[in-house]
């Protein structure tokens, strides 16, 4: 890897969402090349991934047909990558092949290939990407194999984001505030949280009555600015935990206890995946990626709570780091060392 950068560093807007033209220009300068010299471009998203599972979900959840149709129209209306590149680099000719790589595979490759381990168990966990919210498996010999997944509509990342909104922190990326607030509370609501997130086999399921994402088209802002989300939770959440906190309201002990319970529930589900993963891979090394891998409190308990004794967390654990994984996955597919 020669260069990597996140667009927000150049735009000076936290979590900036949109085409990363400045980051691309920086990486090309660092490599000493122009766009016309690039042979391959890898993208950490593949709309064809899990297509049959998507179709099955639509057929078995009739209320979701309009939702899926709406999202498909949004994807159809997106400009092609080549159009963005031509606009950002008008004097360069594009000859590169474009490779779309499944979202969580990108996260797993980004952690495993950058880590110091020749082989390691690897876990990707976040909100959603390509109809999946988590994937785990093994990295060995340069390859990554997926052993298991959590699919839409169940997501630990979305659970944490929804409770972050409920606690009065509305901005994308505010989950760290809940993680910090949790240290000042007690897990007095953990029994109720276990009804919101139910551990299941090696994974988990959400009680969807508390969430809106699976049944409604929620307005979001994902272009040329900070991402914005409507409320992800339903009024049922307030019936259990009380009135939501407004951003201007004081933080009470009740809010601290709810935050602590959210963190405790996240950790229960996190370790519910990790413990069997360690047993099935028989390795002491673990790599983590995906937005939830930024939960440093949970990460700090891995070596104490499991048989994993060597842990590598991808520094750019969120979707920005998926670009690194897409590049490594494509590099590996094309033959590895000496091909690019």
C-alpha atoms as a PDB file:
ATOM      1  CA  UNK A   1       0.000   0.000   0.000  1.00  0.00           C
ATOM      2  CA  UNK A   2       1.438   3.327  -1.117  1.00  0.00           C
ATOM      3  CA  UNK A   3      -1.186   5.836   0.021  1.00  0.00           C
ATOM      4  CA  UNK A   4      -4.605   6.068   1.666  1.00  0.00           C
ATOM      5  CA  UNK A   5      -6.632   9.085   2.757  1.00  0.00           C
ATOM      6  CA  UNK A   6     -10.134   9.994   3.883  1.00  0.00           C
ATOM      7  CA  UNK A   7     -12.014  12.776   2.115  1.00  0.00           C
ATOM      8  CA  UNK A   8     -13.012  14.502   5.359  1.00  0.00           C
ATOM      9  CA  UNK A   9      -9.370  15.456   5.928  1.00  0.00           C
ATOM     10  CA  UNK A  10      -9.460  17.659   2.842  1.00  0.00           C
ATOM     11  CA  UNK A  11     -13.060  18.907   3.041  1.00  0.00           C
ATOM     12  CA  UNK A  12     -12.797  19.658   6.782  1.00  0.00           C
ATOM     13  CA  UNK A  13     -16.327  18.278   7.286  1.00  0.00           C
ATOM     14  CA  UNK A  14     -16.531  15.372   9.693  1.00  0.00           C
ATOM     15  CA  UNK A  15     -17.757  12.111   8.075  1.00  0.00           C
ATOM     16  CA  UNK A  16     -18.078  13.889   4.725  1.00  0.00           C
ATOM     17  CA  UNK A  17     -20.124  11.768   2.332  1.00  0.00           C
ATOM     18  CA  UNK A  18     -19.748  12.057  -1.429  1.00  0.00           C
ATOM     19  CA  UNK A  19     -17.287  11.354  -4.202  1.00  0.00           C
ATOM     20  CA  UNK A  20     -13.738  11.464  -2.698  1.00  0.00           C
ATOM     21  CA  UNK A  21     -12.101  13.558  -5.412  1.00  0.00           C
ATOM     22  CA  UNK A  22      -9.540  15.226  -3.125  1.00  0.00           C
ATOM     23  CA  UNK A  23      -8.477  11.937  -1.532  1.00  0.00           C
ATOM     24  CA  UNK A  24      -8.081  10.372  -4.980  1.00  0.00           C
ATOM     25  CA  UNK A  25      -5.959  13.281  -6.201  1.00  0.00           C
ATOM     26  CA  UNK A  26      -3.780  13.041  -3.086  1.00  0.00           C
ATOM     27  CA  UNK A  27      -3.196   9.293  -3.525  1.00  0.00           C
ATOM     28  CA  UNK A  28      -2.294   9.720  -7.186  1.00  0.00           C
ATOM     29  CA  UNK A  29       0.212  12.459  -6.269  1.00  0.00           C
ATOM     30  CA  UNK A  30       1.741  10.283  -3.550  1.00  0.00           C
ATOM     31  CA  UNK A  31       2.117   7.430  -6.029  1.00  0.00           C
ATOM     32  CA  UNK A  32       3.578   9.749  -8.661  1.00  0.00           C
ATOM     33  CA  UNK A  33       1.079   8.674 -11.320  1.00  0.00           C
ATOM     34  CA  UNK A  34      -1.941  10.011 -13.203  1.00  0.00           C
ATOM     35  CA  UNK A  35      -5.385   8.501 -13.582  1.00  0.00           C
ATOM     36  CA  UNK A  36      -4.517   7.274 -17.097  1.00  0.00           C
ATOM     37  CA  UNK A  37      -1.771   5.109 -15.550  1.00  0.00           C
ATOM     38  CA  UNK A  38      -4.201   3.205 -13.293  1.00  0.00           C
ATOM     39  CA  UNK A  39      -5.074  -0.321 -14.425  1.00  0.00           C
ATOM     40  CA  UNK A  40      -7.643  -1.295 -11.787  1.00  0.00           C
ATOM     41  CA  UNK A  41     -10.105   0.554  -9.552  1.00  0.00           C
ATOM     42  CA  UNK A  42     -11.763  -1.305  -6.654  1.00  0.00           C
ATOM     43  CA  UNK A  43     -14.994  -0.184  -4.963  1.00  0.00           C
ATOM     44  CA  UNK A  44     -16.186  -1.445  -1.567  1.00  0.00           C
ATOM     45  CA  UNK A  45     -19.775  -2.071  -2.652  1.00  0.00           C
ATOM     46  CA  UNK A  46     -21.406  -4.692  -4.866  1.00  0.00           C
ATOM     47  CA  UNK A  47     -25.138  -4.351  -5.473  1.00  0.00           C
ATOM     48  CA  UNK A  48     -25.229  -7.902  -6.865  1.00  0.00           C
ATOM     49  CA  UNK A  49     -24.124  -9.427  -3.563  1.00  0.00           C
ATOM     50  CA  UNK A  50     -26.714 -11.593  -1.760  1.00  0.00           C
ATOM     51  CA  UNK A  51     -29.196 -11.015  -4.578  1.00  0.00           C
ATOM     52  CA  UNK A  52     -31.206 -14.195  -3.936  1.00  0.00           C
ATOM     53  CA  UNK A  53     -31.434 -13.414  -0.228  1.00  0.00           C
ATOM     54  CA  UNK A  54     -32.732  -9.934  -1.082  1.00  0.00           C
ATOM     55  CA  UNK A  55     -35.351 -11.438  -3.381  1.00  0.00           C
ATOM     56  CA  UNK A  56     -36.404 -13.956  -0.731  1.00  0.00           C
ATOM     57  CA  UNK A  57     -36.719 -11.192   1.859  1.00  0.00           C
ATOM     58  CA  UNK A  58     -38.960  -9.138  -0.429  1.00  0.00           C
ATOM     59  CA  UNK A  59     -41.163 -12.158  -1.187  1.00  0.00           C
ATOM     60  CA  UNK A  60     -41.568 -13.025   2.499  1.00  0.00           C
ATOM     61  CA  UNK A  61     -41.999  -9.458   3.766  1.00  0.00           C
ATOM     62  CA  UNK A  62     -44.650  -7.887   1.583  1.00  0.00           C
ATOM     63  CA  UNK A  63     -44.455  -4.531   3.387  1.00  0.00           C
ATOM     64  CA  UNK A  64     -40.862  -4.178   2.157  1.00  0.00           C
ATOM     65  CA  UNK A  65     -41.593  -4.224  -1.586  1.00  0.00           C
ATOM     66  CA  UNK A  66     -42.056  -0.446  -1.832  1.00  0.00           C
ATOM     67  CA  UNK A  67     -39.015   0.095   0.406  1.00  0.00           C
ATOM     68  CA  UNK A  68     -36.730  -2.075  -1.767  1.00  0.00           C
ATOM     69  CA  UNK A  69     -38.197  -0.518  -4.926  1.00  0.00           C
ATOM     70  CA  UNK A  70     -37.463   2.976  -3.620  1.00  0.00           C
ATOM     71  CA  UNK A  71     -33.882   2.095  -2.742  1.00  0.00           C
ATOM     72  CA  UNK A  72     -33.374   0.466  -6.140  1.00  0.00           C
ATOM     73  CA  UNK A  73     -34.501   3.683  -7.855  1.00  0.00           C
ATOM     74  CA  UNK A  74     -31.978   5.660  -5.798  1.00  0.00           C
ATOM     75  CA  UNK A  75     -29.168   3.320  -6.869  1.00  0.00           C
ATOM     76  CA  UNK A  76     -30.321   3.467 -10.506  1.00  0.00           C
ATOM     77  CA  UNK A  77     -30.226   7.258 -10.443  1.00  0.00           C
ATOM     78  CA  UNK A  78     -26.700   7.403  -9.041  1.00  0.00           C
ATOM     79  CA  UNK A  79     -24.119   8.650 -11.467  1.00  0.00           C
ATOM     80  CA  UNK A  80     -21.638   6.115 -12.761  1.00  0.00           C
ATOM     81  CA  UNK A  81     -18.169   6.076 -11.241  1.00  0.00           C
ATOM     82  CA  UNK A  82     -16.687   6.892 -14.647  1.00  0.00           C
ATOM     83  CA  UNK A  83     -18.766  10.099 -14.774  1.00  0.00           C
ATOM     84  CA  UNK A  84     -17.433  11.258 -11.417  1.00  0.00           C
ATOM     85  CA  UNK A  85     -13.859  10.490 -12.472  1.00  0.00           C
ATOM     86  CA  UNK A  86     -14.234  12.366 -15.777  1.00  0.00           C
ATOM     87  CA  UNK A  87     -15.634  15.380 -13.934  1.00  0.00           C
ATOM     88  CA  UNK A  88     -12.895  15.368 -11.254  1.00  0.00           C
ATOM     89  CA  UNK A  89     -10.022  14.619 -13.654  1.00  0.00           C
ATOM     90  CA  UNK A  90     -11.150  16.212 -16.949  1.00  0.00           C
ATOM     91  CA  UNK A  91      -7.766  15.990 -18.661  1.00  0.00           C
ATOM     92  CA  UNK A  92      -7.194  12.287 -17.902  1.00  0.00           C
ATOM     93  CA  UNK A  93      -8.347   9.279 -19.862  1.00  0.00           C
ATOM     94  CA  UNK A  94      -9.747   6.361 -17.883  1.00  0.00           C
ATOM     95  CA  UNK A  95      -8.549   2.923 -18.953  1.00  0.00           C
ATOM     96  CA  UNK A  96      -8.878   1.086 -15.647  1.00  0.00           C
ATOM     97  CA  UNK A  97     -11.062  -1.927 -15.031  1.00  0.00           C
ATOM     98  CA  UNK A  98     -13.588  -1.334 -12.245  1.00  0.00           C
ATOM     99  CA  UNK A  99     -14.071  -4.071  -9.622  1.00  0.00           C
ATOM    100  CA  UNK A 100     -16.980  -4.107  -7.170  1.00  0.00           C
ATOM    101  CA  UNK A 101     -16.241  -6.032  -3.961  1.00  0.00           C
ATOM    102  CA  UNK A 102     -18.819  -7.020  -1.336  1.00  0.00           C
ATOM    103  CA  UNK A 103     -18.897  -4.593   1.585  1.00  0.00           C
ATOM    104  CA  UNK A 104     -17.971  -6.819   4.530  1.00  0.00           C
ATOM    105  CA  UNK A 105     -15.395  -8.762   2.563  1.00  0.00           C
ATOM    106  CA  UNK A 106     -13.702  -5.395   2.047  1.00  0.00           C
ATOM    107  CA  UNK A 107     -13.708  -4.724   5.777  1.00  0.00           C
ATOM    108  CA  UNK A 108     -12.255  -8.174   6.492  1.00  0.00           C
ATOM    109  CA  UNK A 109      -9.527  -7.803   3.847  1.00  0.00           C
ATOM    110  CA  UNK A 110      -8.715  -4.306   5.143  1.00  0.00           C
ATOM    111  CA  UNK A 111      -8.042  -5.613   8.644  1.00  0.00           C
ATOM    112  CA  UNK A 112      -6.317  -8.897   7.784  1.00  0.00           C
ATOM    113  CA  UNK A 113      -3.972  -7.624   5.042  1.00  0.00           C
ATOM    114  CA  UNK A 114      -2.830  -4.584   7.033  1.00  0.00           C
ATOM    115  CA  UNK A 115      -2.365  -6.567  10.243  1.00  0.00           C
ATOM    116  CA  UNK A 116       0.973  -8.151  11.247  1.00  0.00           C
ATOM    117  CA  UNK A 117      -0.589 -11.662  11.214  1.00  0.00           C
ATOM    118  CA  UNK A 118      -0.066 -14.285   8.514  1.00  0.00           C
ATOM    119  CA  UNK A 119      -3.257 -15.941   9.680  1.00  0.00           C
ATOM    120  CA  UNK A 120      -6.015 -14.650  11.938  1.00  0.00           C
ATOM    121  CA  UNK A 121      -9.703 -14.843  12.653  1.00  0.00           C
ATOM    122  CA  UNK A 122     -11.410 -11.746  11.296  1.00  0.00           C
ATOM    123  CA  UNK A 123     -14.688 -10.004  12.131  1.00  0.00           C
ATOM    124  CA  UNK A 124     -16.468  -7.171  10.341  1.00  0.00           C
ATOM    125  CA  UNK A 125     -19.388  -5.550  12.126  1.00  0.00           C
ATOM    126  CA  UNK A 126     -21.241  -2.310  11.370  1.00  0.00           C
ATOM    127  CA  UNK A 127     -24.637  -0.878  10.435  1.00  0.00           C
ATOM    128  CA  UNK A 128     -25.346  -2.296   6.980  1.00  0.00           C
ATOM    129  CA  UNK A 129     -23.571  -2.860   3.714  1.00  0.00           C
ATOM    130  CA  UNK A 130     -24.724  -4.988   0.776  1.00  0.00           C
ATOM    131  CA  UNK A 131     -27.680  -6.374   2.778  1.00  0.00           C
ATOM    132  CA  UNK A 132     -25.433  -7.592   5.594  1.00  0.00           C
ATOM    133  CA  UNK A 133     -24.445  -6.124   8.963  1.00  0.00           C
ATOM    134  CA  UNK A 134     -21.678  -8.495  10.089  1.00  0.00           C
ATOM    135  CA  UNK A 135     -19.399 -11.196   8.703  1.00  0.00           C
ATOM    136  CA  UNK A 136     -16.711 -13.334  10.257  1.00  0.00           C
ATOM    137  CA  UNK A 137     -14.201 -15.910   9.147  1.00  0.00           C
ATOM    138  CA  UNK A 138     -10.506 -16.593   8.647  1.00  0.00           C
ATOM    139  CA  UNK A 139      -7.630 -14.875   6.917  1.00  0.00           C
ATOM    140  CA  UNK A 140      -4.840 -17.207   5.807  1.00  0.00           C
ATOM    141  CA  UNK A 141      -2.324 -17.284   2.984  1.00  0.00           C
ATOM    142  CA  UNK A 142      -3.540 -13.935   1.687  1.00  0.00           C
ATOM    143  CA  UNK A 143      -7.113 -15.157   1.294  1.00  0.00           C
ATOM    144  CA  UNK A 144     -10.153 -14.423   3.452  1.00  0.00           C
ATOM    145  CA  UNK A 145     -12.926 -16.992   3.858  1.00  0.00           C
ATOM    146  CA  UNK A 146     -16.311 -16.087   5.337  1.00  0.00           C
ATOM    147  CA  UNK A 147     -17.739 -18.533   7.893  1.00  0.00           C
ATOM    148  CA  UNK A 148     -20.889 -16.700   8.908  1.00  0.00           C
ATOM    149  CA  UNK A 149     -22.965 -13.541   8.494  1.00  0.00           C
ATOM    150  CA  UNK A 150     -25.767 -11.454   9.947  1.00  0.00           C
ATOM    151  CA  UNK A 151     -28.179 -10.195   7.299  1.00  0.00           C
ATOM    152  CA  UNK A 152     -30.641  -7.324   6.972  1.00  0.00           C
ATOM    153  CA  UNK A 153     -32.703  -6.277   8.915  1.00  0.00           C
ATOM    154  CA  UNK A 154     -30.689  -7.287  12.024  1.00  0.00           C
ATOM    155  CA  UNK A 155     -27.737  -5.087  12.984  1.00  0.00           C
ATOM    156  CA  UNK A 156     -25.765  -4.256  16.117  1.00  0.00           C
ATOM    157  CA  UNK A 157     -24.544  -1.059  14.509  1.00  0.00           C
ATOM    158  CA  UNK A 158     -28.088   0.077  13.824  1.00  0.00           C
ATOM    159  CA  UNK A 159     -29.133  -0.883  17.363  1.00  0.00           C
ATOM    160  CA  UNK A 160     -26.369   1.308  18.804  1.00  0.00           C
ATOM    161  CA  UNK A 161     -27.148   4.159  16.404  1.00  0.00           C
ATOM    162  CA  UNK A 162     -30.874   4.077  17.201  1.00  0.00           C
ATOM    163  CA  UNK A 163     -30.221   4.212  20.966  1.00  0.00           C
ATOM    164  CA  UNK A 164     -27.691   6.997  20.379  1.00  0.00           C
ATOM    165  CA  UNK A 165     -30.456   9.023  18.718  1.00  0.00           C
ATOM    166  CA  UNK A 166     -32.856   8.170  21.556  1.00  0.00           C
ATOM    167  CA  UNK A 167     -30.330   9.477  24.101  1.00  0.00           C
ATOM    168  CA  UNK A 168     -30.211  12.867  22.375  1.00  0.00           C
ATOM    169  CA  UNK A 169     -27.121  12.549  20.173  1.00  0.00           C
ATOM    170  CA  UNK A 170     -28.500  12.926  16.634  1.00  0.00           C
ATOM    171  CA  UNK A 171     -25.372  13.282  14.510  1.00  0.00           C
ATOM    172  CA  UNK A 172     -23.863  10.487  12.460  1.00  0.00           C
ATOM    173  CA  UNK A 173     -20.871   9.156  14.409  1.00  0.00           C
ATOM    174  CA  UNK A 174     -22.130  10.231  17.840  1.00  0.00           C
ATOM    175  CA  UNK A 175     -21.994   6.671  19.179  1.00  0.00           C
ATOM    176  CA  UNK A 176     -18.698   7.414  20.935  1.00  0.00           C
ATOM    177  CA  UNK A 177     -20.603   9.794  23.213  1.00  0.00           C
ATOM    178  CA  UNK A 178     -22.850   6.953  24.393  1.00  0.00           C
ATOM    179  CA  UNK A 179     -19.822   4.715  24.901  1.00  0.00           C
ATOM    180  CA  UNK A 180     -18.261   7.408  27.083  1.00  0.00           C
ATOM    181  CA  UNK A 181     -21.491   8.154  28.947  1.00  0.00           C
ATOM    182  CA  UNK A 182     -21.836   4.450  29.763  1.00  0.00           C
ATOM    183  CA  UNK A 183     -18.897   4.677  32.165  1.00  0.00           C
ATOM    184  CA  UNK A 184     -20.994   6.891  34.473  1.00  0.00           C
ATOM    185  CA  UNK A 185     -23.985   4.560  34.687  1.00  0.00           C
ATOM    186  CA  UNK A 186     -25.045   1.089  35.760  1.00  0.00           C
ATOM    187  CA  UNK A 187     -26.611  -1.576  33.502  1.00  0.00           C
ATOM    188  CA  UNK A 188     -29.991  -1.309  35.216  1.00  0.00           C
ATOM    189  CA  UNK A 189     -31.880  -1.717  31.913  1.00  0.00           C
ATOM    190  CA  UNK A 190     -29.979  -4.733  30.611  1.00  0.00           C
ATOM    191  CA  UNK A 191     -32.922  -7.109  30.993  1.00  0.00           C
ATOM    192  CA  UNK A 192     -35.028  -4.816  28.776  1.00  0.00           C
ATOM    193  CA  UNK A 193     -32.149  -4.490  26.288  1.00  0.00           C
ATOM    194  CA  UNK A 194     -32.081  -8.275  25.974  1.00  0.00           C
ATOM    195  CA  UNK A 195     -35.614  -8.065  24.605  1.00  0.00           C
ATOM    196  CA  UNK A 196     -34.512  -5.515  22.013  1.00  0.00           C
ATOM    197  CA  UNK A 197     -31.488  -7.618  20.966  1.00  0.00           C
ATOM    198  CA  UNK A 198     -31.905 -11.377  21.286  1.00  0.00           C
ATOM    199  CA  UNK A 199     -28.859 -13.616  21.066  1.00  0.00           C
ATOM    200  CA  UNK A 200     -29.411 -16.351  18.495  1.00  0.00           C
ATOM    201  CA  UNK A 201     -27.093 -19.249  17.581  1.00  0.00           C
ATOM    202  CA  UNK A 202     -23.732 -17.536  16.903  1.00  0.00           C
ATOM    203  CA  UNK A 203     -25.439 -14.246  16.118  1.00  0.00           C
ATOM    204  CA  UNK A 204     -28.381 -12.120  17.214  1.00  0.00           C
ATOM    205  CA  UNK A 205     -31.753 -10.790  16.095  1.00  0.00           C
ATOM    206  CA  UNK A 206     -33.411  -7.454  16.711  1.00  0.00           C
ATOM    207  CA  UNK A 207     -36.974  -7.173  17.942  1.00  0.00           C
ATOM    208  CA  UNK A 208     -38.068  -5.191  14.908  1.00  0.00           C
ATOM    209  CA  UNK A 209     -41.033  -3.619  16.672  1.00  0.00           C
ATOM    210  CA  UNK A 210     -38.541  -1.122  18.121  1.00  0.00           C
ATOM    211  CA  UNK A 211     -37.060  -0.110  14.739  1.00  0.00           C
ATOM    212  CA  UNK A 212     -38.215   1.612  11.545  1.00  0.00           C
ATOM    213  CA  UNK A 213     -35.496   0.815   8.978  1.00  0.00           C
ATOM    214  CA  UNK A 214     -37.020  -2.448   7.747  1.00  0.00           C
ATOM    215  CA  UNK A 215     -40.512  -1.080   7.090  1.00  0.00           C
ATOM    216  CA  UNK A 216     -40.127   2.585   6.126  1.00  0.00           C
ATOM    217  CA  UNK A 217     -38.158   4.621   3.643  1.00  0.00           C
ATOM    218  CA  UNK A 218     -36.256   6.912   6.008  1.00  0.00           C
ATOM    219  CA  UNK A 219     -34.916  10.134   4.442  1.00  0.00           C
ATOM    220  CA  UNK A 220     -31.126  10.287   4.584  1.00  0.00           C
ATOM    221  CA  UNK A 221     -28.450  12.650   3.312  1.00  0.00           C
ATOM    222  CA  UNK A 222     -25.424  10.894   1.801  1.00  0.00           C
ATOM    223  CA  UNK A 223     -24.050  13.328  -0.766  1.00  0.00           C
ATOM    224  CA  UNK A 224     -21.737  16.316  -0.495  1.00  0.00           C
ATOM    225  CA  UNK A 225     -21.865  16.864   3.241  1.00  0.00           C
ATOM    226  CA  UNK A 226     -22.227  15.182   6.610  1.00  0.00           C
ATOM    227  CA  UNK A 227     -24.556  12.147   6.583  1.00  0.00           C
ATOM    228  CA  UNK A 228     -27.953  12.737   8.182  1.00  0.00           C
ATOM    229  CA  UNK A 229     -30.534  10.219   9.380  1.00  0.00           C
ATOM    230  CA  UNK A 230     -34.129  10.355  10.500  1.00  0.00           C
ATOM    231  CA  UNK A 231     -35.036   8.544  13.746  1.00  0.00           C
ATOM    232  CA  UNK A 232     -34.360   4.829  13.449  1.00  0.00           C
ATOM    233  CA  UNK A 233     -36.477   3.821  16.457  1.00  0.00           C
ATOM    234  CA  UNK A 234     -40.240   3.555  16.954  1.00  0.00           C
ATOM    235  CA  UNK A 235     -42.384   4.919  19.829  1.00  0.00           C
ATOM    236  CA  UNK A 236     -42.241   1.409  21.342  1.00  0.00           C
ATOM    237  CA  UNK A 237     -38.732   2.198  22.555  1.00  0.00           C
ATOM    238  CA  UNK A 238     -40.022   5.141  24.598  1.00  0.00           C
ATOM    239  CA  UNK A 239     -42.750   2.973  26.075  1.00  0.00           C
ATOM    240  CA  UNK A 240     -40.036   0.741  27.579  1.00  0.00           C
ATOM    241  CA  UNK A 241     -37.284   3.233  28.462  1.00  0.00           C
ATOM    242  CA  UNK A 242     -39.250   6.440  28.935  1.00  0.00           C
ATOM    243  CA  UNK A 243     -39.288   9.694  26.933  1.00  0.00           C
ATOM    244  CA  UNK A 244     -36.382  10.289  24.593  1.00  0.00           C
ATOM    245  CA  UNK A 245     -33.829  12.914  25.546  1.00  0.00           C
ATOM    246  CA  UNK A 246     -33.726  16.098  23.486  1.00  0.00           C
ATOM    247  CA  UNK A 247     -30.207  17.317  22.603  1.00  0.00           C
ATOM    248  CA  UNK A 248     -30.855  20.403  24.758  1.00  0.00           C
ATOM    249  CA  UNK A 249     -32.064  18.428  27.803  1.00  0.00           C
ATOM    250  CA  UNK A 250     -29.750  17.848  30.775  1.00  0.00           C
ATOM    251  CA  UNK A 251     -28.209  14.397  31.079  1.00  0.00           C
ATOM    252  CA  UNK A 252     -29.803  12.562  34.007  1.00  0.00           C
ATOM    253  CA  UNK A 253     -28.784   9.402  35.800  1.00  0.00           C
ATOM    254  CA  UNK A 254     -31.486   7.569  33.857  1.00  0.00           C
ATOM    255  CA  UNK A 255     -29.692   8.417  30.624  1.00  0.00           C
ATOM    256  CA  UNK A 256     -26.346   7.277  32.029  1.00  0.00           C
ATOM    257  CA  UNK A 257     -27.872   3.945  33.053  1.00  0.00           C
ATOM    258  CA  UNK A 258     -29.467   3.432  29.648  1.00  0.00           C
ATOM    259  CA  UNK A 259     -26.137   4.202  27.960  1.00  0.00           C
ATOM    260  CA  UNK A 260     -24.407   1.675  30.211  1.00  0.00           C
ATOM    261  CA  UNK A 261     -27.072  -0.906  29.351  1.00  0.00           C
ATOM    262  CA  UNK A 262     -26.650  -0.248  25.612  1.00  0.00           C
ATOM    263  CA  UNK A 263     -22.912  -0.811  25.896  1.00  0.00           C
ATOM    264  CA  UNK A 264     -23.404  -3.958  27.979  1.00  0.00           C
ATOM    265  CA  UNK A 265     -25.858  -5.354  25.419  1.00  0.00           C
ATOM    266  CA  UNK A 266     -23.473  -4.598  22.580  1.00  0.00           C
ATOM    267  CA  UNK A 267     -20.681  -6.419  24.394  1.00  0.00           C
ATOM    268  CA  UNK A 268     -22.865  -9.473  25.068  1.00  0.00           C
ATOM    269  CA  UNK A 269     -23.675  -9.800  21.365  1.00  0.00           C
ATOM    270  CA  UNK A 270     -20.081  -9.007  20.321  1.00  0.00           C
ATOM    271  CA  UNK A 271     -18.599 -11.759  22.499  1.00  0.00           C
ATOM    272  CA  UNK A 272     -21.420 -14.116  21.515  1.00  0.00           C
ATOM    273  CA  UNK A 273     -19.884 -13.995  18.021  1.00  0.00           C
ATOM    274  CA  UNK A 274     -16.221 -13.932  19.047  1.00  0.00           C
ATOM    275  CA  UNK A 275     -16.100 -16.900  21.419  1.00  0.00           C
ATOM    276  CA  UNK A 276     -17.293 -19.568  18.936  1.00  0.00           C
ATOM    277  CA  UNK A 277     -15.207 -17.896  16.198  1.00  0.00           C
ATOM    278  CA  UNK A 278     -12.062 -18.478  18.247  1.00  0.00           C
ATOM    279  CA  UNK A 279     -12.961 -22.115  18.850  1.00  0.00           C
ATOM    280  CA  UNK A 280     -13.699 -22.854  15.192  1.00  0.00           C
ATOM    281  CA  UNK A 281     -10.551 -21.123  13.894  1.00  0.00           C
ATOM    282  CA  UNK A 282      -8.219 -22.324  16.693  1.00  0.00           C
ATOM    283  CA  UNK A 283      -6.112 -19.186  16.449  1.00  0.00           C
ATOM    284  CA  UNK A 284      -5.064 -16.647  19.044  1.00  0.00           C
ATOM    285  CA  UNK A 285      -4.991 -13.775  16.523  1.00  0.00           C
ATOM    286  CA  UNK A 286      -7.991 -11.584  15.682  1.00  0.00           C
ATOM    287  CA  UNK A 287      -8.502  -8.677  13.302  1.00  0.00           C
ATOM    288  CA  UNK A 288     -11.473  -6.312  13.569  1.00  0.00           C
ATOM    289  CA  UNK A 289     -13.051  -3.845  11.136  1.00  0.00           C
ATOM    290  CA  UNK A 290     -16.381  -2.193  10.373  1.00  0.00           C
ATOM    291  CA  UNK A 291     -17.761   0.854  12.147  1.00  0.00           C
ATOM    292  CA  UNK A 292     -18.477  -1.070  15.350  1.00  0.00           C
ATOM    293  CA  UNK A 293     -14.787  -1.950  15.590  1.00  0.00           C
ATOM    294  CA  UNK A 294     -14.368   1.625  16.846  1.00  0.00           C
ATOM    295  CA  UNK A 295     -15.962   0.510  20.134  1.00  0.00           C
ATOM    296  CA  UNK A 296     -12.696   0.632  22.058  1.00  0.00           C
ATOM    297  CA  UNK A 297     -14.316  -0.332  25.370  1.00  0.00           C
ATOM    298  CA  UNK A 298     -15.434  -3.692  23.970  1.00  0.00           C
ATOM    299  CA  UNK A 299     -12.164  -4.169  22.060  1.00  0.00           C
ATOM    300  CA  UNK A 300     -10.191  -3.670  25.254  1.00  0.00           C
ATOM    301  CA  UNK A 301     -11.926  -6.654  26.838  1.00  0.00           C
ATOM    302  CA  UNK A 302     -11.170  -9.145  24.045  1.00  0.00           C
ATOM    303  CA  UNK A 303      -7.858 -10.419  25.423  1.00  0.00           C
ATOM    304  CA  UNK A 304      -9.301 -10.668  28.938  1.00  0.00           C
ATOM    305  CA  UNK A 305     -12.582 -12.279  27.927  1.00  0.00           C
ATOM    306  CA  UNK A 306     -11.609 -14.691  25.144  1.00  0.00           C
ATOM    307  CA  UNK A 307      -8.735 -16.912  24.021  1.00  0.00           C
ATOM    308  CA  UNK A 308      -7.719 -14.292  21.454  1.00  0.00           C
ATOM    309  CA  UNK A 309      -4.418 -12.872  22.728  1.00  0.00           C
ATOM    310  CA  UNK A 310      -3.274 -10.889  19.685  1.00  0.00           C
ATOM    311  CA  UNK A 311      -5.744  -8.293  18.429  1.00  0.00           C
ATOM    312  CA  UNK A 312      -5.413  -5.890  15.496  1.00  0.00           C
ATOM    313  CA  UNK A 313      -8.067  -3.199  14.972  1.00  0.00           C
ATOM    314  CA  UNK A 314      -8.103  -1.507  11.564  1.00  0.00           C
ATOM    315  CA  UNK A 315      -7.233   2.150  12.140  1.00  0.00           C
ATOM    316  CA  UNK A 316      -9.817   3.248   9.551  1.00  0.00           C
ATOM    317  CA  UNK A 317     -12.351   0.726  10.795  1.00  0.00           C
ATOM    318  CA  UNK A 318     -15.399   2.406   9.206  1.00  0.00           C
ATOM    319  CA  UNK A 319     -16.477   2.532   5.591  1.00  0.00           C
ATOM    320  CA  UNK A 320     -13.560   4.764   4.557  1.00  0.00           C
ATOM    321  CA  UNK A 321     -11.198   1.894   5.367  1.00  0.00           C
ATOM    322  CA  UNK A 322     -13.243  -0.391   3.146  1.00  0.00           C
ATOM    323  CA  UNK A 323     -11.437   1.175   0.190  1.00  0.00           C
ATOM    324  CA  UNK A 324      -8.204  -0.400   1.454  1.00  0.00           C
ATOM    325  CA  UNK A 325      -9.914  -3.777   1.686  1.00  0.00           C
ATOM    326  CA  UNK A 326     -11.402  -3.471  -1.796  1.00  0.00           C
ATOM    327  CA  UNK A 327      -7.919  -2.781  -3.185  1.00  0.00           C
ATOM    328  CA  UNK A 328      -6.353  -5.746  -1.371  1.00  0.00           C
ATOM    329  CA  UNK A 329      -9.214  -8.086  -2.332  1.00  0.00           C
ATOM    330  CA  UNK A 330      -8.837  -7.125  -6.002  1.00  0.00           C
ATOM    331  CA  UNK A 331      -5.054  -7.371  -5.803  1.00  0.00           C
ATOM    332  CA  UNK A 332      -5.405 -10.883  -4.359  1.00  0.00           C
ATOM    333  CA  UNK A 333      -7.949 -11.912  -7.020  1.00  0.00           C
ATOM    334  CA  UNK A 334      -5.592 -10.770  -9.776  1.00  0.00           C
ATOM    335  CA  UNK A 335      -2.713 -12.832  -8.430  1.00  0.00           C
ATOM    336  CA  UNK A 336      -1.173 -10.887  -5.581  1.00  0.00           C
ATOM    337  CA  UNK A 337       2.406  -9.621  -5.525  1.00  0.00           C
ATOM    338  CA  UNK A 338       3.683  -8.285  -8.827  1.00  0.00           C
ATOM    339  CA  UNK A 339       0.331  -7.806 -10.564  1.00  0.00           C
ATOM    340  CA  UNK A 340      -0.356  -4.136  -9.839  1.00  0.00           C
END
